[in-house]
Protein backbone atom coordinates (compact mmCIF):
# COMPACT_ATOMS: atom_id res chain seq x y z
CA MET A 1 23.47 77.20 28.34
CA GLY A 2 21.52 74.53 29.40
CA ARG A 3 20.95 71.30 27.12
CA PRO A 4 19.16 67.96 27.59
CA VAL A 5 21.38 65.32 28.75
CA GLY A 6 20.94 63.11 25.95
CA GLN A 7 21.57 66.05 23.33
CA ARG A 8 24.66 67.24 25.50
CA ARG A 9 26.16 63.73 25.08
CA CYS A 10 25.42 63.59 21.46
CA LEU A 11 27.08 66.89 20.58
CA ARG A 12 30.14 66.17 22.66
CA ALA A 13 30.63 62.85 20.82
CA LEU A 14 30.22 64.60 17.57
CA GLY A 15 32.65 67.57 18.71
CA LEU A 16 35.30 64.89 19.31
CA VAL A 17 35.92 64.79 15.51
CA GLY A 18 35.43 68.31 14.62
CA LEU A 19 38.79 69.80 14.84
CA ALA A 20 40.18 73.27 14.61
CA LEU A 21 43.01 74.47 12.05
CA THR A 22 45.82 71.94 13.03
CA CYS A 23 49.54 72.25 12.29
CA LEU A 24 50.61 68.49 11.91
CA GLY A 25 54.48 69.14 11.37
CA GLY A 26 55.10 72.74 12.01
CA CYS A 27 52.83 75.49 10.90
CA ALA A 28 53.39 75.90 7.07
CA SER A 29 53.78 79.18 5.13
CA ALA A 30 50.67 78.08 3.52
CA ARG A 31 47.06 78.25 4.66
CA VAL A 32 44.26 75.94 3.60
CA ALA A 33 40.36 76.19 3.64
CA ALA A 34 38.31 73.10 3.28
CA PHE A 35 34.69 72.90 1.51
CA HIS A 36 32.32 70.19 0.54
CA ALA A 37 29.10 69.83 -1.57
CA PRO A 38 26.24 69.36 -1.12
CA MET A 39 26.35 70.44 2.35
CA HIS A 40 23.91 67.63 3.55
CA PRO A 41 24.27 65.01 0.98
CA ALA A 42 21.18 62.92 0.41
CA ASN A 43 21.11 58.99 0.48
CA THR A 44 21.77 59.03 -3.37
CA GLU A 45 24.19 62.15 -3.67
CA ALA A 46 27.83 61.84 -4.05
CA VAL A 47 30.12 64.20 -2.31
CA THR A 48 32.64 66.55 -3.77
CA PHE A 49 35.46 67.53 -1.48
CA ARG A 50 37.33 70.69 -2.16
CA ALA A 51 40.16 72.63 -0.67
CA GLU A 52 41.92 76.01 -1.57
CA ALA A 53 45.11 76.96 -0.59
CA ASN A 54 47.53 80.16 -0.69
CA GLY A 55 50.99 81.17 0.46
CA THR A 56 53.98 78.97 -0.48
CA VAL A 57 52.10 75.88 -1.52
CA ASP A 58 54.00 72.61 -2.36
CA LYS A 59 50.86 70.36 -2.18
CA ILE A 60 47.27 69.57 -0.78
CA VAL A 61 46.24 66.02 0.50
CA LEU A 62 42.46 65.47 0.86
CA SER A 63 41.53 62.74 3.45
CA TYR A 64 38.34 61.45 5.10
CA ARG A 65 37.13 59.09 7.60
CA ARG A 66 33.47 57.84 8.27
CA PHE A 67 31.47 57.18 11.27
CA ASN A 68 28.22 55.09 11.54
CA LEU A 69 25.68 56.95 13.55
CA THR A 70 23.14 55.01 15.69
CA VAL A 71 20.77 55.93 18.76
CA ALA A 72 20.51 54.31 22.05
CA LEU A 73 18.15 55.47 24.78
CA GLY A 74 17.89 58.79 22.84
CA VAL A 75 21.59 59.42 22.65
CA LEU A 76 23.60 59.53 19.45
CA ILE A 77 26.53 57.17 19.17
CA GLN A 78 29.32 57.29 16.74
CA THR A 79 31.27 54.26 15.40
CA GLU A 80 34.36 54.36 13.07
CA VAL A 81 33.84 52.14 9.96
CA VAL A 82 36.40 53.89 7.69
CA PRO A 83 39.31 55.08 9.28
CA MET A 84 41.38 58.21 8.03
CA THR A 85 41.97 57.60 4.15
CA ASP A 86 43.66 59.63 1.80
CA LEU A 87 41.35 60.78 -1.31
CA ALA A 88 43.52 62.87 -3.35
CA THR A 89 46.80 64.68 -3.77
CA CYS A 90 47.38 67.62 -5.68
CA ASP A 91 51.07 67.93 -6.16
CA PRO A 92 52.20 70.59 -8.88
CA ALA A 93 55.84 71.01 -9.93
CA GLY A 94 57.75 73.06 -7.44
CA THR A 95 55.95 75.53 -5.11
CA ILE A 96 53.07 78.01 -6.18
CA SER A 97 50.96 80.88 -4.70
CA THR A 98 47.57 79.25 -5.02
CA LEU A 99 46.29 75.76 -5.60
CA THR A 100 42.77 74.15 -5.61
CA CYS A 101 42.25 70.63 -5.07
CA SER A 102 39.04 68.47 -5.32
CA HIS A 103 37.73 65.05 -5.62
CA THR A 104 34.21 63.52 -6.02
CA MET A 105 33.44 60.34 -4.39
CA PRO A 106 32.42 57.45 -6.81
CA SER A 107 29.11 56.93 -4.94
CA ALA A 108 26.92 58.14 -1.90
CA PHE A 109 27.72 57.71 1.69
CA PRO A 110 25.43 55.23 3.52
CA ALA A 111 22.63 56.81 5.35
CA SER A 112 23.36 57.61 9.20
CA SER A 113 26.76 58.73 8.28
CA LEU A 114 29.16 61.25 9.93
CA ILE A 115 31.89 62.31 7.53
CA GLU A 116 35.24 63.96 8.84
CA PHE A 117 36.96 65.69 6.18
CA GLN A 118 40.46 66.82 6.37
CA ALA A 119 42.50 69.06 3.82
CA THR A 120 46.25 69.50 4.59
CA VAL A 121 48.45 71.89 2.79
CA TYR A 122 52.29 71.38 2.66
CA ASP A 123 54.91 74.13 2.18
CA GLY A 124 58.19 73.77 0.43
CA ASP A 125 59.71 72.94 3.66
CA GLY A 126 57.54 70.25 4.32
CA LYS A 127 55.35 72.04 7.26
CA THR A 128 51.75 71.82 7.06
CA ASN A 129 48.31 73.20 8.26
CA SER A 130 44.92 71.33 8.01
CA ASP A 131 41.30 72.47 7.95
CA VAL A 132 39.29 69.68 9.62
CA TYR A 133 35.30 69.47 10.12
CA SER A 134 32.70 67.08 10.21
CA PHE A 135 29.07 66.87 8.57
CA ALA A 136 26.22 64.45 8.22
CA ALA A 137 25.65 62.34 5.26
CA GLY A 138 22.65 60.70 4.25
CA ASP A 139 19.21 60.39 6.39
CA TYR A 140 20.01 61.45 9.93
CA PRO A 141 19.02 59.48 12.69
CA LEU A 142 17.60 61.94 14.74
CA PRO A 143 15.62 64.04 12.18
CA ASP A 144 14.31 66.68 14.80
CA ASP A 145 17.83 67.50 16.03
CA PRO A 146 20.08 70.27 14.42
CA ILE A 147 21.67 68.53 11.44
CA PRO A 148 25.40 69.24 11.46
CA ILE A 149 26.54 70.57 7.85
CA ARG A 150 30.04 71.97 9.00
CA LEU A 151 30.96 71.02 12.75
CA LYS A 152 34.28 72.33 14.09
CA GLY A 153 34.15 71.43 17.65
CA ASP A 154 32.22 71.38 20.95
CA THR A 155 29.32 73.64 21.58
CA ALA A 156 30.52 75.81 24.27
CA GLY A 157 33.61 76.98 22.73
CA HIS A 158 32.25 77.55 19.43
CA LEU A 159 29.60 79.90 17.91
CA ASP A 160 26.67 77.40 16.88
CA VAL A 161 24.30 78.85 14.03
CA VAL A 162 21.15 76.66 13.26
CA PHE A 163 19.38 77.43 10.02
CA ILE A 164 15.59 77.19 9.61
CA PRO A 165 13.87 76.82 6.38
CA ASP A 166 10.70 79.26 6.11
CA THR A 167 7.58 78.23 4.97
CA ASP A 168 8.00 80.31 1.75
CA ILE A 169 10.72 78.05 0.50
CA THR A 170 10.69 74.28 -0.29
CA VAL A 171 13.15 72.21 2.18
CA ALA A 172 15.03 70.92 -1.18
CA ASN A 173 15.50 74.41 -2.18
CA PHE A 174 16.81 75.78 1.09
CA ARG A 175 19.06 72.57 1.33
CA SER A 176 20.43 73.40 -2.04
CA GLN A 177 21.24 76.79 -1.17
CA LEU A 178 23.03 76.00 2.31
CA GLY A 179 26.63 75.86 0.63
CA THR A 180 26.22 79.56 -0.60
CA VAL A 181 24.91 80.50 2.73
CA VAL A 182 27.91 79.42 4.54
CA GLU A 183 30.74 79.94 2.08
CA GLN A 184 29.69 82.86 0.12
CA ILE A 185 27.70 84.98 2.86
CA TYR A 186 29.14 84.11 6.13
CA PHE A 187 32.48 83.62 4.96
CA LYS A 188 32.49 86.73 2.81
CA TYR A 189 33.15 88.81 5.71
CA GLU A 190 36.99 88.83 7.40
CA ALA A 191 35.64 89.18 10.60
CA ILE A 192 33.98 85.78 10.35
CA LYS A 193 36.07 84.22 7.57
CA THR A 194 39.41 84.52 9.58
CA TRP A 195 37.82 82.90 12.41
CA ARG A 196 35.85 80.15 10.51
CA GLY A 197 37.35 77.60 13.23
CA LEU A 198 35.15 78.87 15.65
CA TYR A 199 31.82 78.36 14.10
CA ASN A 200 29.59 75.30 13.95
CA PHE A 201 26.71 75.03 11.33
CA TYR A 202 23.47 73.07 11.51
CA TYR A 203 20.03 73.01 9.92
CA SER A 204 16.55 72.23 10.88
CA ALA A 205 14.59 69.45 8.74
CA GLN A 206 11.34 71.24 9.98
CA GLN A 207 10.16 74.45 8.71
CA GLY A 208 9.27 77.68 10.69
CA ASN A 209 7.73 80.79 9.51
CA TYR A 210 8.87 84.53 9.92
CA GLU A 211 6.39 87.54 9.07
CA GLU A 212 7.35 91.48 9.47
CA SER A 213 6.78 93.09 12.88
CA CYS A 214 9.27 90.60 14.29
CA SER A 215 6.65 87.74 14.25
CA PHE A 216 8.03 84.28 14.33
CA THR A 217 6.30 80.83 14.11
CA ASN A 218 8.71 78.28 15.42
CA PRO A 219 8.83 74.86 13.93
CA SER A 220 7.69 71.96 15.95
CA ASN A 221 11.27 70.94 16.99
CA MET A 222 12.31 74.45 18.09
CA ALA A 223 13.39 73.32 21.81
CA THR A 224 15.93 70.83 20.22
CA LEU A 225 17.39 73.68 17.88
CA THR A 226 17.52 76.35 20.68
CA ALA A 227 19.34 73.70 23.20
CA VAL A 228 22.16 73.79 20.58
CA GLY A 229 21.91 77.14 18.74
CA ASP A 230 23.32 80.38 19.83
CA ALA A 231 21.87 81.71 16.70
CA VAL A 232 18.47 80.45 15.35
CA LEU A 233 18.11 81.60 11.72
CA PHE A 234 14.86 81.78 9.81
CA LEU A 235 15.69 81.88 6.11
CA HIS A 236 13.14 83.16 3.84
CA GLN A 237 12.94 84.01 0.05
CA ASN A 238 10.43 86.93 0.26
CA THR A 239 11.55 90.47 1.00
CA LEU A 240 10.98 91.43 4.39
CA ARG A 241 12.11 93.69 7.13
CA ASP A 242 14.30 91.38 9.27
CA CYS A 243 14.46 91.00 12.99
CA ARG A 244 15.89 89.72 16.28
CA SER A 245 13.87 88.08 19.13
CA GLY A 246 15.99 86.16 21.46
CA LYS A 247 17.99 83.65 19.75
CA ARG A 248 15.73 83.82 16.69
CA ILE A 249 16.79 85.88 13.85
CA SER A 250 15.55 86.29 9.96
CA SER A 251 16.98 86.83 6.69
CA GLU A 252 16.29 86.54 3.05
CA ILE A 253 18.35 83.32 2.22
CA ASN A 254 20.58 85.24 -0.58
CA TYR A 255 20.92 88.55 1.19
CA ASP A 256 24.33 88.66 3.32
CA LYS A 257 23.50 92.32 4.76
CA SER A 258 20.30 91.34 6.56
CA MET A 259 21.93 87.73 7.64
CA ILE A 260 25.31 89.26 8.83
CA HIS A 261 23.56 92.19 10.56
CA GLU A 262 21.03 90.19 12.61
CA SER A 263 23.98 87.41 13.25
CA GLY A 264 26.00 90.44 14.54
CA HIS A 265 23.16 91.14 17.21
CA VAL A 266 22.67 87.53 18.40
CA LEU A 267 26.35 86.25 18.29
CA PHE A 268 27.95 89.46 19.51
CA ASN A 269 25.18 91.48 21.26
CA LEU A 270 26.25 94.25 18.77
CA GLN A 271 23.76 97.15 19.03
CA ASP A 272 21.96 99.03 15.97
CA GLU A 273 23.88 102.27 15.27
CA TYR A 274 20.96 103.71 13.17
CA CYS A 275 18.12 105.82 14.24
CA CYS A 276 15.46 105.49 15.42
CA ASP A 277 13.13 102.52 15.19
CA SER A 278 15.23 99.89 17.10
CA SER A 279 15.85 99.05 20.79
CA TYR A 280 18.89 100.45 22.02
CA SER A 281 20.95 99.11 25.11
CA PRO A 282 24.70 100.05 25.43
CA GLN A 283 26.90 97.12 26.55
CA ALA A 284 28.67 96.96 29.81
CA CYS A 285 31.80 96.55 27.99
CA TYR A 286 33.41 96.61 24.40
CA GLN A 287 30.65 99.03 23.56
CA ASN A 288 29.67 99.90 19.92
CA LEU A 289 26.83 102.09 21.16
CA PHE A 290 27.04 104.68 24.09
CA SER A 291 24.55 106.36 26.33
CA SER A 292 26.55 109.76 26.42
CA LEU A 293 28.83 111.83 24.47
CA ALA A 294 31.39 111.61 27.17
CA SER A 295 31.46 107.89 27.38
CA CYS A 296 31.69 107.78 23.43
CA GLN A 297 34.78 110.15 23.43
CA THR A 298 36.52 108.21 26.34
CA GLU A 299 36.57 105.04 24.56
CA ALA A 300 37.63 106.70 21.01
CA ALA A 301 41.09 106.37 21.82
CA ASN A 302 40.81 102.91 22.88
CA ILE A 303 39.27 102.24 19.51
CA GLY A 304 41.68 104.40 17.38
CA TYR A 305 39.25 107.03 16.36
CA PRO A 306 39.38 110.69 17.08
CA THR A 307 36.69 112.04 19.48
CA SER A 308 34.97 113.72 16.56
CA ASN A 309 33.84 110.56 15.28
CA CYS A 310 31.17 110.40 18.04
CA VAL A 311 27.94 111.36 16.47
CA GLN A 312 24.43 111.26 18.07
CA LEU A 313 21.73 109.15 16.60
CA THR A 314 19.25 111.11 14.41
CA ASP A 315 17.43 110.73 11.55
CA GLY A 316 17.03 114.63 10.94
CA THR A 317 13.61 114.50 12.65
CA THR A 318 14.11 112.54 15.84
CA THR A 319 17.08 112.41 17.84
CA LEU A 320 17.87 109.92 20.66
CA SER A 321 20.21 109.98 23.54
CA PHE A 322 22.67 107.53 22.15
CA TRP A 323 25.96 107.93 20.24
CA ARG A 324 28.00 105.95 17.74
CA ILE A 325 31.53 105.87 16.83
CA ASP A 326 31.99 103.79 13.80
CA PRO A 327 31.86 105.91 10.58
CA SER A 328 28.67 105.84 8.75
CA GLY A 329 29.46 106.89 5.06
CA ALA A 330 28.96 104.93 2.05
CA ASN A 331 31.38 102.27 3.39
CA GLY A 332 29.93 102.42 6.77
CA CYS A 333 29.28 99.86 9.38
CA MET A 334 27.26 96.85 9.06
CA MET A 335 25.10 98.04 12.24
CA GLY A 336 24.46 101.51 11.12
CA PRO A 337 22.50 103.51 8.68
CA HIS A 338 24.41 102.40 5.67
CA GLN A 339 24.12 98.72 6.57
CA HIS A 340 22.70 97.84 3.04
CA SER A 341 25.35 99.60 1.13
CA SER A 342 27.42 97.22 -1.01
CA ASP A 343 30.72 97.79 0.97
CA SER A 344 29.45 97.94 4.42
CA ASP A 345 31.21 95.88 6.87
CA PHE A 346 32.22 95.83 10.60
CA ASN A 347 34.08 98.68 11.91
CA GLN A 348 36.48 99.17 14.77
CA ALA A 349 33.88 99.34 17.52
CA CYS A 350 32.19 96.29 16.27
CA ARG A 351 35.10 94.43 15.66
CA ARG A 352 36.48 94.91 19.14
CA ARG A 353 33.21 93.45 20.39
CA ILE A 354 33.42 90.63 18.00
CA ASN A 355 37.03 89.89 19.12
CA HIS A 356 35.99 89.84 22.81
CA ARG A 357 33.44 86.99 21.99
CA TYR A 358 36.16 85.13 20.06
CA GLY A 359 38.47 85.47 23.22
CA GLN A 360 35.69 83.82 25.41
CA CYS A 361 35.36 81.10 22.82
CA GLY A 362 39.07 80.49 22.51
CA ALA A 363 38.99 80.24 26.53
CA GLY A 364 36.37 77.40 25.96
CA ASP A 365 33.03 79.03 26.65
CA CYS A 366 31.68 81.84 24.20
CA PHE A 367 29.08 82.93 26.65
CA SER A 368 30.83 82.80 29.89
CA SER A 369 31.15 86.13 31.16
CA PRO A 370 28.02 87.56 33.08
CA GLU A 371 29.63 90.75 33.72
CA CYS A 372 30.70 91.27 30.13
CA PRO A 373 28.14 89.22 28.26
């Protein structure tokens, strides 16, 4: 995916401090997840760091380091000004199964800061796991660029999601909800939460607009957003039917079913499994939609489904020449006719497709395979 040279250099630099889940002294029998709030702290807002661990937990240590961000010839340069420093240690007596640890900074970070946050859990044998990511704090020196709010690593090997505030929501209100969008909507679903280390999240300070019938009005900085984002997500307040057009997708800011469904389209090339008013294009590999009953039945065994799961797309009046294999009952697939049921999720055909993308990310380029995009 092409990016302007300056932007590429900038993101590579930032990516150096956005690390994945790390074992520092041999992988522990405990896992840890790190969080911070607000997602993009303003010049006057102090940050609260938090970590949640489970397993055989002995203690959690919260640490951070700070970089100063400057711009030279359009390129973002980061300079370490505070080395890695421990903020808090939460160390209960003995080992326990769950532990939450938090620390609020006494004051706000300076403008043009990039913060690397590390939460490390220790088990009873002294082994560790760490969750590490970076985020911007204070005024960002390139305000038209995607502003990082949870950066795990380089753009090629990660799925980059950029949030855009719609004109029906104030930027301040939008920013205040970004923590919920990431932590309670995206990370609600195991197919995403389990692989949280493969996601980078950013937002745009400029507003765009989405209207029904798949009508998008781009913000003025759209070119810089799409140069980085694999998914560019317009978040609105009004209740609308949402859509995907290229990298652009839309969703209500507080509704997980639309947000994750549309993300499934653009990040994983998942096809709709409902009838009858979408566009349908079965994938070349790892399909969740099939152009014939025979091809659907052939794949059933590979997915672990009986051939009887293959169902032709119909709404009772119109029937299409496409078949789905994921169940479509009350707890059906996020891409199917029961998308909006409270317990809908990704099922096996979709998960296989999702895991294919994660495998590409793990190999260093999430969108590297033209024969199996």
